[in-house]
Amino acid sequence: MSEQFAECAKVNAFMVVFNCRHHNKALNVRLHQFTNDEHFEIYS
């Protein structure tokens, strides 16, 4: 997932915000699994 976003960012440079939106959204969904309130409560 992050490799795909990184490759897209390399290719698109300044247009990364527009052209890699779908990769960024997928990456954020994946990361949210590990950075939600439930996980923060486990490690507090």
Protein backbone atom coordinates (compact mmCIF):
# COMPACT_ATOMS: atom_id res chain seq x y z
CA MET A 1 0.00 0.00 0.00
CA SER A 2 2.62 2.54 1.01
CA GLU A 3 4.89 1.43 -1.83
CA GLN A 4 2.15 2.23 -4.33
CA PHE A 5 1.64 5.69 -2.85
CA ALA A 6 5.40 6.33 -2.79
CA GLU A 7 5.76 5.33 -6.44
CA CYS A 8 2.80 7.50 -7.42
CA ALA A 9 4.30 10.43 -5.52
CA LYS A 10 7.66 10.02 -7.26
CA VAL A 11 6.06 10.02 -10.68
CA ASN A 12 3.65 12.90 -10.05
CA ALA A 13 5.77 15.26 -7.93
CA PHE A 14 3.74 18.45 -7.36
CA MET A 15 0.51 16.92 -8.67
CA VAL A 16 0.61 14.18 -6.02
CA VAL A 17 -2.37 15.70 -4.19
CA PHE A 18 -4.60 15.27 -7.21
CA ASN A 19 -3.16 12.27 -9.02
CA CYS A 20 -2.51 9.99 -6.04
CA ARG A 21 -5.70 10.69 -4.12
CA HIS A 22 -6.94 7.09 -4.35
CA HIS A 23 -3.62 5.69 -3.06
CA ASN A 24 -3.62 8.20 -0.20
CA LYS A 25 -7.18 7.32 0.79
CA ALA A 26 -6.41 3.59 0.79
CA LEU A 27 -3.29 4.20 2.88
CA ASN A 28 -5.24 6.29 5.41
CA VAL A 29 -7.91 3.60 5.74
CA ARG A 30 -5.19 1.02 6.41
CA LEU A 31 -3.40 3.22 8.95
CA HIS A 32 -6.64 4.01 10.76
CA GLN A 33 -6.83 0.36 11.80
CA PHE A 34 -3.81 0.97 14.02
CA THR A 35 -4.40 4.59 15.09
CA ASN A 36 -7.93 4.62 16.42
CA ASP A 37 -9.09 5.26 20.00
CA GLU A 38 -9.34 1.55 20.76
CA HIS A 39 -5.65 0.98 20.04
CA PHE A 40 -4.59 4.08 21.95
CA GLU A 41 -6.47 2.81 25.02
CA ILE A 42 -4.59 -0.50 24.84
CA TYR A 43 -1.21 1.25 25.09
CA SER A 44 -2.12 3.98 27.57
